[in-house]
Amino acid sequence: MATELIPTVNSWYRDTESERVFEIVALDEDDGTIEIQYFEGEIEELDIDNWYDLSLNTIAAPEDWSGPYDDLVPDDFGDTEDPIHPETWASPLEDIDGDAAFEYGE
């Protein structure tokens, strides 16, 4: 089924035949070409006529932005320390030695 969707830069689509997800990264109306980047990182240029032959659905941008970057390590995500989770949070008062507090108060 051919698409009637108008190509829009920064919009995400799913090709229903190949099940591949991609974003339009550039549109050249003078040349009649559309540059797309697949979620995995591959870049492809389509002719506008080929665009309308595709079977597409619009989708929301993927939450996992790391798809095109298969060589990332945990430090690349901006969290260089061990993350703190609510279940490991301690009360700040647990670090205070009760006996020491009375020594200063006497």
N, C-alpha and C. Protein backbone atom coordinates (compact mmCIF):
# COMPACT_ATOMS: atom_id res chain seq x y z
N MET A 1 0.84 -1.17 0.00
CA MET A 1 0.00 0.00 0.00
C MET A 1 0.89 1.24 0.00
N ALA A 2 0.79 2.08 -0.96
CA ALA A 2 1.60 3.28 -1.09
C ALA A 2 1.19 4.31 -0.03
N THR A 3 2.17 5.11 0.38
CA THR A 3 1.90 6.11 1.40
C THR A 3 1.40 7.40 0.79
N GLU A 4 0.61 8.09 1.55
CA GLU A 4 0.17 9.43 1.17
C GLU A 4 0.77 10.46 2.12
N LEU A 5 1.66 9.99 3.03
CA LEU A 5 2.27 10.86 4.01
C LEU A 5 3.25 11.82 3.34
N ILE A 6 3.19 13.06 3.74
CA ILE A 6 4.13 14.06 3.23
C ILE A 6 5.41 13.96 4.07
N PRO A 7 6.56 13.82 3.41
CA PRO A 7 7.81 13.69 4.17
C PRO A 7 8.12 14.97 4.95
N THR A 8 8.44 14.80 6.23
CA THR A 8 8.71 15.93 7.12
C THR A 8 10.01 15.67 7.87
N VAL A 9 10.92 16.64 7.82
CA VAL A 9 12.20 16.52 8.51
C VAL A 9 11.94 16.40 10.01
N ASN A 10 12.73 15.54 10.67
CA ASN A 10 12.67 15.24 12.10
C ASN A 10 11.46 14.39 12.49
N SER A 11 10.75 13.85 11.53
CA SER A 11 9.64 12.94 11.83
C SER A 11 10.11 11.50 11.69
N TRP A 12 9.49 10.63 12.48
CA TRP A 12 9.85 9.21 12.50
C TRP A 12 8.78 8.39 11.81
N TYR A 13 9.22 7.34 11.12
CA TYR A 13 8.32 6.47 10.36
C TYR A 13 8.74 5.02 10.53
N ARG A 14 7.77 4.13 10.30
CA ARG A 14 8.04 2.69 10.26
C ARG A 14 7.60 2.19 8.89
N ASP A 15 8.53 1.52 8.21
CA ASP A 15 8.20 0.88 6.93
C ASP A 15 7.51 -0.42 7.29
N THR A 16 6.24 -0.55 6.94
CA THR A 16 5.46 -1.72 7.35
C THR A 16 5.89 -3.00 6.63
N GLU A 17 6.58 -2.88 5.52
CA GLU A 17 7.05 -4.08 4.82
C GLU A 17 8.34 -4.61 5.42
N SER A 18 9.30 -3.73 5.69
CA SER A 18 10.59 -4.17 6.24
C SER A 18 10.63 -4.08 7.76
N GLU A 19 9.66 -3.38 8.36
CA GLU A 19 9.59 -3.14 9.81
C GLU A 19 10.74 -2.29 10.32
N ARG A 20 11.43 -1.58 9.43
CA ARG A 20 12.53 -0.72 9.84
C ARG A 20 11.99 0.65 10.23
N VAL A 21 12.64 1.22 11.23
CA VAL A 21 12.26 2.52 11.78
C VAL A 21 13.31 3.53 11.33
N PHE A 22 12.84 4.70 10.90
CA PHE A 22 13.79 5.72 10.45
C PHE A 22 13.24 7.12 10.68
N GLU A 23 14.15 8.08 10.60
CA GLU A 23 13.83 9.49 10.75
C GLU A 23 14.26 10.21 9.47
N ILE A 24 13.49 11.18 9.05
CA ILE A 24 13.91 12.01 7.92
C ILE A 24 14.86 13.07 8.48
N VAL A 25 16.09 13.09 7.96
CA VAL A 25 17.09 14.03 8.46
C VAL A 25 17.31 15.20 7.51
N ALA A 26 16.92 15.05 6.25
CA ALA A 26 17.08 16.15 5.29
C ALA A 26 16.10 15.96 4.14
N LEU A 27 15.72 17.07 3.57
CA LEU A 27 14.80 17.06 2.44
C LEU A 27 15.30 18.10 1.45
N ASP A 28 15.59 17.67 0.23
CA ASP A 28 16.06 18.58 -0.81
C ASP A 28 14.99 18.65 -1.90
N GLU A 29 14.18 19.68 -1.84
CA GLU A 29 13.09 19.81 -2.79
C GLU A 29 13.59 20.09 -4.20
N ASP A 30 14.74 20.77 -4.32
CA ASP A 30 15.29 21.06 -5.65
C ASP A 30 15.71 19.78 -6.37
N ASP A 31 16.36 18.88 -5.64
CA ASP A 31 16.80 17.61 -6.22
C ASP A 31 15.72 16.54 -6.18
N GLY A 32 14.70 16.76 -5.36
CA GLY A 32 13.64 15.77 -5.20
C GLY A 32 14.10 14.55 -4.43
N THR A 33 14.96 14.78 -3.40
CA THR A 33 15.48 13.66 -2.61
C THR A 33 15.16 13.84 -1.13
N ILE A 34 15.09 12.72 -0.46
CA ILE A 34 14.84 12.66 0.98
C ILE A 34 15.96 11.84 1.59
N GLU A 35 16.63 12.40 2.60
CA GLU A 35 17.67 11.66 3.30
C GLU A 35 17.10 11.14 4.60
N ILE A 36 17.20 9.83 4.79
CA ILE A 36 16.66 9.21 6.00
C ILE A 36 17.80 8.53 6.76
N GLN A 37 17.61 8.41 8.07
CA GLN A 37 18.55 7.66 8.90
C GLN A 37 17.75 6.62 9.66
N TYR A 38 18.13 5.37 9.42
CA TYR A 38 17.49 4.27 10.12
C TYR A 38 17.90 4.29 11.58
N PHE A 39 17.08 3.72 12.43
CA PHE A 39 17.35 3.68 13.86
C PHE A 39 18.72 3.07 14.15
N GLU A 40 19.12 2.10 13.35
CA GLU A 40 20.41 1.44 13.55
C GLU A 40 21.59 2.31 13.14
N GLY A 41 21.33 3.43 12.45
CA GLY A 41 22.38 4.36 12.09
C GLY A 41 22.64 4.51 10.61
N GLU A 42 22.21 3.56 9.80
CA GLU A 42 22.43 3.61 8.35
C GLU A 42 21.69 4.80 7.74
N ILE A 43 22.37 5.50 6.83
CA ILE A 43 21.77 6.64 6.15
C ILE A 43 21.50 6.26 4.70
N GLU A 44 20.35 6.68 4.20
CA GLU A 44 19.96 6.36 2.83
C GLU A 44 19.29 7.58 2.20
N GLU A 45 19.45 7.72 0.90
CA GLU A 45 18.79 8.79 0.18
C GLU A 45 17.73 8.20 -0.73
N LEU A 46 16.53 8.75 -0.63
CA LEU A 46 15.41 8.26 -1.44
C LEU A 46 14.99 9.33 -2.45
N ASP A 47 14.55 8.89 -3.59
CA ASP A 47 13.92 9.76 -4.56
C ASP A 47 12.49 10.00 -4.09
N ILE A 48 11.96 11.18 -4.30
CA ILE A 48 10.62 11.51 -3.83
C ILE A 48 9.57 10.55 -4.39
N ASP A 49 9.77 10.08 -5.64
CA ASP A 49 8.83 9.12 -6.22
C ASP A 49 8.87 7.79 -5.47
N ASN A 50 10.07 7.38 -5.04
CA ASN A 50 10.20 6.14 -4.26
C ASN A 50 9.52 6.27 -2.90
N TRP A 51 9.54 7.47 -2.34
CA TRP A 51 8.90 7.71 -1.05
C TRP A 51 7.41 7.33 -1.09
N TYR A 52 6.76 7.78 -2.12
CA TYR A 52 5.32 7.54 -2.22
C TYR A 52 4.98 6.10 -2.60
N ASP A 53 5.99 5.30 -2.96
CA ASP A 53 5.78 3.87 -3.22
C ASP A 53 5.89 3.04 -1.94
N LEU A 54 6.44 3.64 -0.87
CA LEU A 54 6.63 2.91 0.39
C LEU A 54 5.31 2.78 1.15
N SER A 55 5.26 1.78 2.01
CA SER A 55 4.12 1.59 2.90
C SER A 55 4.57 2.01 4.29
N LEU A 56 4.14 3.19 4.74
CA LEU A 56 4.68 3.79 5.96
C LEU A 56 3.60 4.13 6.98
N ASN A 57 4.02 4.15 8.23
CA ASN A 57 3.21 4.67 9.34
C ASN A 57 4.07 5.69 10.07
N THR A 58 3.47 6.77 10.54
CA THR A 58 4.21 7.69 11.41
C THR A 58 4.25 7.10 12.81
N ILE A 59 5.35 7.34 13.49
CA ILE A 59 5.52 6.84 14.86
C ILE A 59 6.17 7.93 15.71
N ALA A 60 6.11 7.74 17.02
CA ALA A 60 6.80 8.64 17.94
C ALA A 60 8.29 8.31 17.90
N ALA A 61 9.10 9.28 18.23
CA ALA A 61 10.55 9.06 18.29
C ALA A 61 10.85 7.98 19.32
N PRO A 62 11.77 7.07 19.02
CA PRO A 62 12.11 6.02 19.98
C PRO A 62 12.65 6.59 21.28
N GLU A 63 12.29 5.97 22.39
CA GLU A 63 12.80 6.41 23.69
C GLU A 63 14.28 6.08 23.84
N ASP A 64 14.70 4.98 23.26
CA ASP A 64 16.10 4.56 23.34
C ASP A 64 16.88 5.22 22.22
N TRP A 65 17.50 6.35 22.51
CA TRP A 65 18.22 7.11 21.50
C TRP A 65 19.54 6.48 21.10
N SER A 66 19.95 5.41 21.76
CA SER A 66 21.28 4.85 21.53
C SER A 66 21.36 3.88 20.36
N GLY A 67 20.27 3.65 19.64
CA GLY A 67 20.25 2.69 18.54
C GLY A 67 21.38 2.83 17.54
N PRO A 68 21.64 4.03 17.01
CA PRO A 68 22.70 4.17 16.02
C PRO A 68 24.11 4.07 16.60
N TYR A 69 24.21 4.04 17.92
CA TYR A 69 25.52 4.07 18.56
C TYR A 69 25.78 2.73 19.25
N ASP A 70 26.10 1.72 18.47
CA ASP A 70 26.25 0.37 19.03
C ASP A 70 27.53 0.19 19.84
N ASP A 71 28.43 1.17 19.84
CA ASP A 71 29.69 1.02 20.56
C ASP A 71 29.72 1.85 21.85
N LEU A 72 28.57 2.20 22.40
CA LEU A 72 28.53 2.98 23.63
C LEU A 72 28.88 2.13 24.84
N VAL A 73 29.51 2.78 25.80
CA VAL A 73 29.77 2.17 27.11
C VAL A 73 28.96 2.97 28.13
N PRO A 74 28.72 2.43 29.32
CA PRO A 74 27.87 3.14 30.28
C PRO A 74 28.28 4.58 30.56
N ASP A 75 29.58 4.90 30.53
CA ASP A 75 30.00 6.27 30.79
C ASP A 75 29.49 7.24 29.73
N ASP A 76 29.19 6.76 28.54
CA ASP A 76 28.70 7.63 27.47
C ASP A 76 27.30 8.15 27.73
N PHE A 77 26.59 7.54 28.65
CA PHE A 77 25.23 7.97 28.94
C PHE A 77 25.18 9.13 29.93
N GLY A 78 26.35 9.61 30.37
CA GLY A 78 26.39 10.77 31.25
C GLY A 78 26.24 10.43 32.71
N ASP A 79 26.20 9.18 33.07
CA ASP A 79 26.05 8.77 34.46
C ASP A 79 27.31 8.00 34.85
N THR A 80 28.34 8.73 35.26
CA THR A 80 29.62 8.08 35.53
C THR A 80 29.69 7.48 36.93
N GLU A 81 28.82 7.87 37.80
CA GLU A 81 28.77 7.31 39.14
C GLU A 81 27.73 6.20 39.18
N ASP A 82 27.77 5.41 40.23
CA ASP A 82 26.71 4.42 40.40
C ASP A 82 25.41 5.16 40.65
N PRO A 83 24.38 4.84 39.90
CA PRO A 83 23.11 5.54 40.11
C PRO A 83 22.52 5.23 41.48
N ILE A 84 21.85 6.20 42.04
CA ILE A 84 21.19 6.03 43.33
C ILE A 84 19.73 5.70 43.05
N HIS A 85 19.27 4.66 43.67
CA HIS A 85 17.89 4.24 43.51
C HIS A 85 17.15 4.48 44.81
N PRO A 86 15.88 4.85 44.75
CA PRO A 86 15.13 5.16 45.97
C PRO A 86 15.19 4.06 47.02
N GLU A 87 15.25 2.82 46.59
CA GLU A 87 15.26 1.75 47.58
C GLU A 87 16.59 1.67 48.34
N THR A 88 17.63 2.36 47.87
CA THR A 88 18.92 2.35 48.57
C THR A 88 19.19 3.65 49.30
N TRP A 89 18.26 4.60 49.23
CA TRP A 89 18.46 5.86 49.91
C TRP A 89 18.38 5.63 51.42
N ALA A 90 19.30 6.21 52.10
CA ALA A 90 19.29 6.10 53.55
C ALA A 90 18.89 7.45 54.14
N SER A 91 18.39 7.40 55.32
CA SER A 91 18.05 8.63 56.02
C SER A 91 19.36 9.32 56.41
N PRO A 92 19.46 10.64 56.25
CA PRO A 92 20.70 11.33 56.63
C PRO A 92 21.00 11.19 58.11
N LEU A 93 19.98 10.95 58.91
CA LEU A 93 20.19 10.81 60.34
C LEU A 93 20.83 9.48 60.71
N GLU A 94 20.79 8.51 59.81
CA GLU A 94 21.39 7.21 60.10
C GLU A 94 22.90 7.30 60.19
N ASP A 95 23.51 8.32 59.60
CA ASP A 95 24.96 8.48 59.63
C ASP A 95 25.44 9.15 60.91
N ILE A 96 24.55 9.68 61.73
CA ILE A 96 24.93 10.37 62.95
C ILE A 96 25.03 9.36 64.08
N ASP A 97 26.15 9.40 64.77
CA ASP A 97 26.35 8.53 65.92
C ASP A 97 25.63 9.17 67.11
N GLY A 98 24.65 8.49 67.64
CA GLY A 98 23.83 9.03 68.73
C GLY A 98 24.65 9.38 69.96
N ASP A 99 25.66 8.56 70.30
CA ASP A 99 26.48 8.83 71.48
C ASP A 99 27.32 10.09 71.28
N ALA A 100 27.81 10.31 70.09
CA ALA A 100 28.64 11.48 69.81
C ALA A 100 27.82 12.75 69.95
N ALA A 101 26.56 12.70 69.58
CA ALA A 101 25.72 13.87 69.66
C ALA A 101 25.50 14.29 71.11
N PHE A 102 25.43 13.32 72.01
CA PHE A 102 25.23 13.65 73.43
C PHE A 102 26.49 14.19 74.04
N GLU A 103 27.69 13.79 73.54
CA GLU A 103 28.94 14.30 74.09
C GLU A 103 29.05 15.80 73.85
N TYR A 104 28.61 16.27 72.69
CA TYR A 104 28.70 17.69 72.40
C TYR A 104 27.64 18.48 73.14
N GLY A 105 26.53 17.85 73.44
CA GLY A 105 25.43 18.54 74.09
C GLY A 105 25.63 18.70 75.59
N GLU A 106 26.56 17.98 76.19
CA GLU A 106 26.71 18.03 77.65
C GLU A 106 27.41 19.25 78.12
